[in-house]
Protein backbone atom coordinates (compact mmCIF):
# COMPACT_ATOMS: atom_id res chain seq x y z
CA MET A 1 -14.29 -12.24 -6.22
CA ASN A 2 -14.03 -14.53 -9.25
CA LYS A 3 -10.54 -15.88 -8.87
CA MET A 4 -9.58 -19.24 -7.05
CA THR A 5 -8.08 -18.59 -3.69
CA VAL A 6 -6.11 -21.23 -1.23
CA ARG A 7 -9.42 -22.82 -0.48
CA ASP A 8 -10.26 -24.00 -3.68
CA ILE A 9 -7.00 -25.93 -3.91
CA ASP A 10 -5.77 -29.64 -2.62
CA LEU A 11 -2.23 -28.71 -1.22
CA ALA A 12 -1.58 -31.49 0.81
CA GLY A 13 1.97 -33.19 0.04
CA LYS A 14 2.43 -30.54 -2.33
CA ARG A 15 5.56 -28.20 -2.61
CA VAL A 16 3.75 -24.28 -2.24
CA LEU A 17 5.45 -21.22 -3.72
CA VAL A 18 4.07 -18.33 -2.03
CA ARG A 19 4.56 -14.89 -3.81
CA VAL A 20 4.33 -12.97 -0.57
CA ASP A 21 5.18 -8.98 0.23
CA PHE A 22 7.76 -8.80 2.53
CA ASN A 23 9.37 -4.88 1.56
CA VAL A 24 9.97 -4.17 4.72
CA PRO A 25 11.88 -1.09 5.85
CA LEU A 26 15.60 -2.52 7.28
CA GLU A 27 17.52 -0.54 9.55
CA ASP A 28 21.39 -1.58 10.54
CA GLY A 29 20.19 -5.19 9.58
CA ASN A 30 16.91 -5.16 11.27
CA VAL A 31 12.99 -5.20 10.43
CA THR A 32 11.89 -2.13 11.49
CA ASP A 33 8.19 -2.88 10.95
CA ASP A 34 6.90 -6.14 10.44
CA THR A 35 3.48 -5.40 9.42
CA ARG A 36 3.61 -6.96 5.71
CA VAL A 37 5.01 -10.22 7.64
CA ARG A 38 2.43 -10.05 9.81
CA ALA A 39 -0.21 -9.34 6.78
CA ALA A 40 0.69 -12.73 5.13
CA LEU A 41 0.35 -14.76 8.41
CA PRO A 42 -3.16 -15.86 7.54
CA THR A 43 -2.25 -17.61 4.14
CA LEU A 44 0.50 -19.14 5.82
CA HIS A 45 -1.23 -20.90 8.52
CA HIS A 46 -4.00 -21.68 6.47
CA ILE A 47 -1.40 -23.71 3.94
CA LEU A 48 0.68 -25.05 6.62
CA ASN A 49 -2.59 -26.55 7.97
CA GLN A 50 -2.82 -28.30 4.76
CA LYS A 51 -0.11 -30.67 5.57
CA PRO A 52 2.29 -29.24 2.69
CA LYS A 53 5.37 -30.92 1.46
CA ALA A 54 7.17 -27.73 1.88
CA VAL A 55 6.29 -23.89 1.39
CA ILE A 56 8.80 -21.93 -0.49
CA LEU A 57 8.70 -18.13 -0.20
CA LEU A 58 9.18 -15.44 -2.91
CA SER A 59 9.61 -11.79 -2.45
CA HIS A 60 11.37 -8.28 -3.51
CA LEU A 61 12.82 -5.80 -0.97
CA GLY A 62 13.25 -2.15 -2.30
CA ARG A 63 15.56 -1.60 -5.17
CA PRO A 64 18.97 -3.39 -4.84
CA LYS A 65 21.63 -1.71 -7.30
CA ALA A 66 23.61 -4.89 -7.57
CA LYS A 67 22.99 -8.75 -6.89
CA GLY A 68 23.99 -9.21 -3.06
CA ASP A 69 23.58 -5.53 -2.05
CA ALA A 70 23.58 -5.94 1.82
CA ASP A 71 21.11 -3.27 2.34
CA THR A 72 18.40 -5.18 0.27
CA SER A 73 18.69 -8.76 1.44
CA LEU A 74 15.80 -10.65 2.76
CA ALA A 75 17.88 -12.48 5.28
CA PRO A 76 16.68 -10.20 8.15
CA VAL A 77 13.22 -11.42 7.70
CA ALA A 78 13.29 -15.23 8.11
CA PRO A 79 14.03 -14.77 11.93
CA VAL A 80 11.05 -12.41 12.46
CA LEU A 81 8.73 -14.40 10.41
CA ALA A 82 10.05 -17.40 12.63
CA ALA A 83 9.12 -15.61 15.71
CA LEU A 84 5.50 -14.94 14.05
CA LEU A 85 5.23 -18.55 12.64
CA GLY A 86 6.14 -19.93 15.97
CA ARG A 87 8.50 -22.48 13.67
CA ASP A 88 12.04 -22.50 11.74
CA VAL A 89 12.47 -20.67 8.66
CA ALA A 90 15.09 -21.42 6.42
CA PHE A 91 16.95 -19.08 4.11
CA ALA A 92 18.63 -19.27 0.92
CA ASP A 93 20.59 -17.09 -0.51
CA ASN A 94 19.19 -17.09 -4.17
CA CYS A 95 15.57 -17.55 -5.13
CA VAL A 96 16.39 -19.80 -8.02
CA GLY A 97 19.40 -22.20 -9.26
CA LYS A 98 21.47 -24.98 -7.43
CA VAL A 99 21.29 -22.65 -4.01
CA ALA A 100 17.65 -22.66 -4.48
CA GLU A 101 16.84 -26.11 -5.26
CA GLU A 102 18.84 -27.46 -2.80
CA ALA A 103 17.56 -25.60 -0.08
CA VAL A 104 14.29 -26.95 -1.33
CA ALA A 105 15.51 -30.87 -0.95
CA ALA A 106 16.70 -29.73 2.05
CA LEU A 107 13.60 -29.10 4.05
CA PRO A 108 11.62 -30.97 6.09
CA GLU A 109 8.66 -32.57 5.43
CA GLY A 110 6.32 -28.99 6.05
CA GLY A 111 9.37 -26.93 6.30
CA VAL A 112 9.26 -23.18 5.53
CA LEU A 113 11.98 -21.75 3.21
CA LEU A 114 12.46 -17.85 2.56
CA LEU A 115 14.24 -16.93 -0.73
CA GLU A 116 16.94 -14.29 -1.66
CA ASN A 117 15.40 -11.07 -3.25
CA THR A 118 13.80 -11.80 -6.32
CA ARG A 119 15.18 -8.43 -8.04
CA TYR A 120 18.33 -9.03 -7.36
CA HIS A 121 17.69 -10.72 -10.87
CA LYS A 122 17.45 -8.65 -13.53
CA GLY A 123 14.78 -10.71 -15.41
CA GLU A 124 12.00 -9.82 -12.29
CA GLU A 125 11.25 -6.93 -13.64
CA LYS A 126 11.12 -7.35 -17.16
CA ASN A 127 9.16 -10.75 -16.40
CA ASP A 128 11.75 -13.09 -18.17
CA PRO A 129 9.95 -16.34 -19.03
CA GLU A 130 13.03 -18.48 -18.44
CA LEU A 131 13.91 -16.48 -14.57
CA ALA A 132 10.07 -17.61 -14.21
CA ALA A 133 10.55 -21.23 -15.56
CA GLN A 134 13.60 -21.80 -12.90
CA MET A 135 11.79 -19.83 -10.02
CA SER A 136 8.50 -21.98 -11.07
CA LYS A 137 10.71 -25.44 -10.68
CA LEU A 138 10.60 -24.94 -6.99
CA GLY A 139 7.50 -25.72 -6.68
CA ASP A 140 3.82 -27.54 -7.71
CA VAL A 141 1.32 -24.89 -7.32
CA PHE A 142 1.44 -21.29 -6.66
CA VAL A 143 0.00 -18.64 -4.10
CA ASN A 144 -0.27 -15.19 -5.04
CA ASP A 145 -0.09 -13.35 -2.10
CA ALA A 146 1.33 -10.38 -2.87
CA PHE A 147 -1.08 -7.33 -3.65
CA GLY A 148 1.66 -4.75 -3.46
CA THR A 149 3.13 -5.84 -6.05
CA ALA A 150 -0.51 -6.65 -8.13
CA HIS A 151 0.20 -3.95 -10.14
CA ARG A 152 3.45 -4.47 -11.58
CA ALA A 153 3.77 -7.89 -14.28
CA HIS A 154 6.85 -9.73 -13.21
CA ALA A 155 8.36 -13.05 -12.94
CA SER A 156 7.32 -13.92 -9.77
CA ASN A 157 4.04 -12.88 -9.96
CA VAL A 158 2.71 -12.86 -13.74
CA GLY A 159 5.77 -14.87 -14.91
CA ILE A 160 5.28 -18.29 -12.60
CA SER A 161 0.95 -17.96 -12.65
CA GLN A 162 1.46 -18.49 -16.44
CA GLN A 163 3.77 -21.70 -15.91
CA LEU A 164 1.95 -23.24 -12.73
CA PRO A 165 -1.54 -23.82 -11.19
CA ALA A 166 -2.13 -20.17 -9.62
CA VAL A 167 -4.41 -18.95 -6.83
CA ALA A 168 -4.78 -16.33 -4.29
CA GLY A 169 -3.77 -15.86 -1.01
CA LEU A 170 -6.37 -14.93 1.93
CA LEU A 171 -4.45 -11.27 1.76
CA MET A 172 -4.97 -10.96 -1.91
CA GLU A 173 -8.31 -11.84 -1.63
CA LYS A 174 -9.14 -9.30 1.27
CA GLU A 175 -7.50 -6.82 -0.34
CA ILE A 176 -9.60 -7.10 -3.87
CA ASP A 177 -12.88 -7.71 -1.54
CA TYR A 178 -12.08 -4.32 -0.16
CA LEU A 179 -10.78 -2.15 -2.66
CA ALA A 180 -12.90 -3.24 -5.35
CA THR A 181 -15.89 -4.02 -3.82
CA THR A 182 -16.63 -1.91 -1.73
CA ILE A 183 -15.96 1.24 -3.95
CA GLU A 184 -18.01 -0.53 -6.47
CA ASN A 185 -21.33 -1.16 -4.36
CA PRO A 186 -20.19 1.49 -1.43
CA LYS A 187 -22.81 1.94 1.77
CA ARG A 188 -23.75 5.93 1.56
CA PRO A 189 -22.95 8.57 2.31
CA PHE A 190 -19.01 7.42 0.89
CA ILE A 191 -16.57 9.81 1.30
CA ALA A 192 -13.27 9.82 0.43
CA ILE A 193 -9.87 11.23 1.82
CA LEU A 194 -6.95 11.94 -0.90
CA GLY A 195 -3.64 13.41 0.27
CA GLY A 196 0.35 13.11 -0.47
CA ALA A 197 2.61 15.69 -2.52
CA LYS A 198 1.36 15.60 -6.45
CA VAL A 199 -2.01 16.12 -7.90
CA SER A 200 -0.33 14.57 -11.00
CA ASP A 201 -0.16 10.78 -9.32
CA LYS A 202 -3.89 11.06 -8.98
CA ILE A 203 -5.41 12.94 -11.25
CA LYS A 204 -7.25 9.74 -12.46
CA VAL A 205 -8.05 8.35 -9.06
CA ILE A 206 -9.90 11.97 -8.30
CA GLU A 207 -11.70 12.00 -11.54
CA VAL A 208 -13.10 8.28 -10.78
CA LEU A 209 -13.58 8.92 -7.26
CA LEU A 210 -15.60 11.85 -8.26
CA SER A 211 -17.89 9.96 -10.04
CA LYS A 212 -18.46 7.81 -6.82
CA VAL A 213 -18.02 9.57 -3.82
CA ASP A 214 -20.49 11.93 -1.81
CA LYS A 215 -17.38 14.12 -0.39
CA LEU A 216 -13.63 14.17 -1.33
CA LEU A 217 -11.20 15.73 0.74
CA ILE A 218 -8.31 17.35 -0.32
CA GLY A 219 -4.91 17.67 2.01
CA GLY A 220 -1.62 17.46 1.92
CA GLY A 221 1.20 18.86 -0.81
CA MET A 222 -1.57 18.50 -3.71
CA ALA A 223 -3.38 20.81 -1.98
CA ASN A 224 -1.33 23.63 -2.58
CA THR A 225 -1.97 22.84 -6.61
CA PHE A 226 -5.42 23.29 -5.92
CA PHE A 227 -4.72 26.73 -4.11
CA ALA A 228 -2.85 27.91 -6.59
CA ALA A 229 -5.88 27.36 -9.27
CA LYS A 230 -8.05 29.45 -6.53
CA GLY A 231 -5.38 32.14 -7.38
CA TYR A 232 -4.21 31.91 -3.42
CA GLU A 233 0.45 33.13 -2.88
CA MET A 234 1.94 29.71 -2.31
CA GLY A 235 5.34 31.24 -1.14
CA ASP A 236 7.80 28.27 -1.64
CA SER A 237 5.04 25.57 -1.21
CA LEU A 238 5.11 22.63 -3.46
CA VAL A 239 3.03 23.33 -6.39
CA GLU A 240 3.25 21.68 -9.71
CA LYS A 241 2.63 24.33 -11.85
CA ASP A 242 1.97 21.96 -15.24
CA ALA A 243 -0.87 20.70 -13.06
CA VAL A 244 -2.91 23.82 -12.22
CA GLU A 245 -5.13 24.28 -14.88
CA THR A 246 -5.79 20.34 -14.56
CA ALA A 247 -6.67 21.47 -10.98
CA ARG A 248 -8.81 24.19 -11.98
CA GLN A 249 -10.58 22.07 -14.46
CA LEU A 250 -11.11 19.50 -11.36
CA LEU A 251 -12.64 21.97 -9.12
CA GLU A 252 -14.85 23.09 -11.48
CA ILE A 253 -15.89 19.06 -12.00
CA GLY A 254 -16.39 18.34 -8.06
CA ARG A 255 -17.59 21.72 -7.49
CA ASN A 256 -20.30 20.34 -4.93
CA ALA A 257 -18.39 17.18 -3.75
CA ILE A 258 -14.71 18.73 -3.33
CA LEU A 259 -13.83 20.30 0.36
CA LEU A 260 -9.91 21.90 1.01
CA PRO A 261 -8.53 22.85 3.96
CA ASN A 262 -9.15 26.39 4.97
CA ASP A 263 -6.27 26.77 7.16
CA VAL A 264 -2.50 25.25 7.60
CA VAL A 265 0.56 25.38 9.36
CA VAL A 266 3.29 26.72 7.35
CA ALA A 267 7.01 27.10 8.40
CA ASN A 268 10.21 29.23 6.97
CA ALA A 269 12.40 25.66 5.84
CA PHE A 270 11.27 22.06 5.72
CA ASP A 271 12.79 21.40 9.02
CA ASN A 272 10.54 20.11 12.17
CA GLU A 273 12.67 22.79 14.07
CA ALA A 274 11.77 25.78 11.68
CA GLN A 275 9.32 28.55 13.04
CA ARG A 276 5.89 27.36 11.95
CA ASP A 277 2.70 29.65 12.30
CA THR A 278 -1.00 29.39 11.46
CA ILE A 279 -3.29 30.82 8.82
CA LYS A 280 -5.40 31.18 6.54
CA VAL A 281 -4.97 30.10 3.36
CA SER A 282 -7.27 32.80 1.32
CA ASP A 283 -4.66 34.69 3.30
CA GLY A 284 -1.53 33.49 0.99
CA VAL A 285 1.69 32.24 2.42
CA ARG A 286 4.26 34.79 2.33
CA PRO A 287 7.79 34.69 0.76
CA GLY A 288 10.01 31.98 1.67
CA TRP A 289 7.50 30.29 3.92
CA ARG A 290 5.96 26.87 2.96
CA ILE A 291 2.39 24.94 3.73
CA LEU A 292 3.68 21.32 5.61
CA ASP A 293 0.16 20.67 7.16
CA ILE A 294 -3.21 21.20 7.65
CA GLY A 295 -4.56 23.45 10.37
CA PRO A 296 -6.96 22.99 13.35
CA GLU A 297 -10.26 24.42 11.48
CA SER A 298 -9.78 22.17 8.33
CA VAL A 299 -9.38 19.05 10.90
CA GLN A 300 -12.90 20.70 12.44
CA ALA A 301 -14.11 20.96 8.31
CA PHE A 302 -13.09 17.35 7.69
CA GLY A 303 -14.42 15.61 10.66
CA GLN A 304 -17.87 17.65 9.99
CA ALA A 305 -17.85 16.16 7.02
CA LEU A 306 -16.72 12.64 7.88
CA ASP A 307 -19.29 12.59 10.65
CA GLY A 308 -22.19 9.86 10.03
CA ALA A 309 -19.84 8.11 6.66
CA LYS A 310 -20.96 4.93 6.12
CA THR A 311 -17.57 4.07 4.13
CA VAL A 312 -14.50 5.96 4.05
CA ILE A 313 -11.44 5.33 1.70
CA TRP A 314 -8.07 7.20 2.80
CA ASN A 315 -5.26 7.72 0.51
CA GLY A 316 -2.39 9.98 1.52
CA PRO A 317 -1.17 12.09 4.39
CA MET A 318 -2.43 15.95 5.41
CA GLY A 319 1.29 17.10 5.70
CA VAL A 320 5.08 15.95 6.22
CA PHE A 321 3.89 13.47 8.81
CA GLU A 322 7.51 12.32 9.70
CA MET A 323 8.43 15.42 11.17
CA PRO A 324 6.56 15.29 14.52
CA ASN A 325 5.32 19.30 14.40
CA PHE A 326 3.58 18.56 11.13
CA ALA A 327 2.34 15.19 11.83
CA GLN A 328 -0.78 16.93 14.00
CA GLY A 329 -3.24 17.31 11.09
CA THR A 330 -2.46 13.80 9.51
CA PHE A 331 -3.26 11.88 13.06
CA ALA A 332 -6.13 13.65 13.51
CA ILE A 333 -7.87 12.29 10.45
CA ALA A 334 -6.40 8.66 11.37
CA ARG A 335 -8.40 9.79 14.87
CA LEU A 336 -11.37 10.89 12.82
CA LEU A 337 -11.62 7.75 11.25
CA ALA A 338 -11.09 5.52 14.05
CA GLU A 339 -14.12 7.20 15.70
CA GLU A 340 -16.51 6.96 12.59
CA THR A 341 -15.26 3.13 12.44
CA ALA A 342 -16.23 2.74 16.29
CA LYS A 343 -19.67 4.32 15.29
CA GLY A 344 -19.97 1.59 12.38
CA ALA A 345 -18.56 2.71 9.10
CA THR A 346 -16.62 0.77 6.84
CA THR A 347 -12.68 2.46 6.76
CA ILE A 348 -9.80 1.74 4.38
CA ILE A 349 -6.43 3.02 4.36
CA GLY A 350 -5.14 3.03 0.94
CA GLY A 351 -1.51 1.74 1.70
CA GLY A 352 2.01 3.39 1.50
CA ASP A 353 2.36 6.62 3.60
CA SER A 354 -1.11 6.33 5.10
CA ALA A 355 -1.17 3.04 6.03
CA ALA A 356 2.47 4.55 7.75
CA ALA A 357 0.79 7.16 9.35
CA ALA A 358 -2.11 4.74 10.86
CA GLU A 359 0.71 2.63 12.58
CA GLN A 360 2.36 5.57 14.07
CA SER A 361 -0.36 7.28 15.40
CA GLY A 362 -1.20 3.62 17.23
CA LEU A 363 -4.69 3.43 15.77
CA ALA A 364 -3.96 0.86 12.82
CA ASP A 365 -5.99 -1.48 14.72
CA ARG A 366 -9.05 0.78 14.91
CA MET A 367 -9.60 1.15 11.23
CA THR A 368 -11.17 -1.57 8.69
CA HIS A 369 -9.07 -2.46 6.44
CA ILE A 370 -5.16 -0.74 6.18
CA SER A 371 -4.16 -1.96 2.25
CA THR A 372 -0.96 -3.58 2.01
CA GLY A 373 -0.39 -1.83 -1.37
CA GLY A 374 0.21 1.40 -2.05
CA GLY A 375 0.79 1.78 -5.47
CA ALA A 376 -1.77 -1.10 -6.22
CA SER A 377 -4.25 0.31 -4.34
CA LEU A 378 -4.12 4.03 -6.44
CA GLU A 379 -4.47 1.59 -9.63
CA MET A 380 -7.62 -0.35 -8.44
CA LEU A 381 -9.38 2.72 -7.06
CA GLU A 382 -8.08 4.01 -10.53
CA GLY A 383 -10.35 0.99 -12.18
CA LYS A 384 -7.42 -0.08 -13.59
CA THR A 385 -6.99 -4.06 -14.53
CA LEU A 386 -3.93 -5.30 -11.93
CA PRO A 387 -1.36 -7.79 -14.13
CA GLY A 388 -1.30 -9.57 -10.57
CA VAL A 389 -5.03 -10.30 -10.25
CA THR A 390 -5.74 -10.88 -13.76
CA ALA A 391 -2.69 -13.76 -13.76
CA ILE A 392 -4.91 -15.81 -11.33
CA ARG A 393 -6.72 -18.70 -12.18
CA ASN A 394 -10.75 -17.83 -12.57
CA LYS A 395 -13.35 -19.87 -10.30
CA SER A 396 -14.73 -20.66 -13.66
């Protein structure tokens, strides 16, 4: 990676402004999954070990409808971070202006401050230079460790990078190394697994991966559009009719690489308690029924394809894993990847629902790397340039 990191800059006595990704799920004012908070700890520990004057943290959370939206306040994250860091973490209910400036000034030497949701300001997503300037006033150097927002040019990542010396955090460095470096020079056999709801979201990813992988396994709702392209009846299953022809073309291009499920779990309603059945895809889905998971024969076939793999990338669940009765295919893939990791394969989970599924399966710690960025991971897999990464200073 030809980008400067926190290892390349003197942080002693500096006010270090850090863009983290604390876009965590909240329920009744409590953090229900602290994965993204824990992912920032190596960078924060490294910075704190350099004896900075202060560490000031910026993040967004959700898509607030208005400033002060209680459901998207970062206030509940501060005590979670404090417990994980083992030190006090102050909180300011604004990320700019007098409130933020006074909170920074009040910090003890080496103190940590979490600022309120950057998206409470309309200029954030517009990369407003004035908002970026107000944020930049709070620090002397800038560390971008929020890979999850690297595909967006916002004030709190790209804007600040244009006004302060900007380096990558350790998580950002790790994400780039695994996603970019591994894809460009993978150990083979190299296998990709794609799932999720829509083909249209991943057409470019499929095209890129087909030029690189030895096998591409496709499941989830997006597989339905490929089934339709093969002429199978899909009943009430999710099918992107506008993408059927594209799917047909991709099947032709990837005829030696693409592997689709051969059996699926269907249900007569989109409900965990719905009546369900396992059928051959080629038999077609009867009216009123829909595909919600891959079947056991498909899991076995995917396992055979994965056996002996040296590099595996997985992005997207195999079914509606949020419903326990339709999570078996997705969790089976997680188990298969854990087994391949144990045999020496590099396994990379591409963020988003795949990361959530790995966590829910209890197998996350048995994967090589779990990305914190769903959209950013996809765009990097597509080979796109990420604005948040580009804005970081080059080592040269």
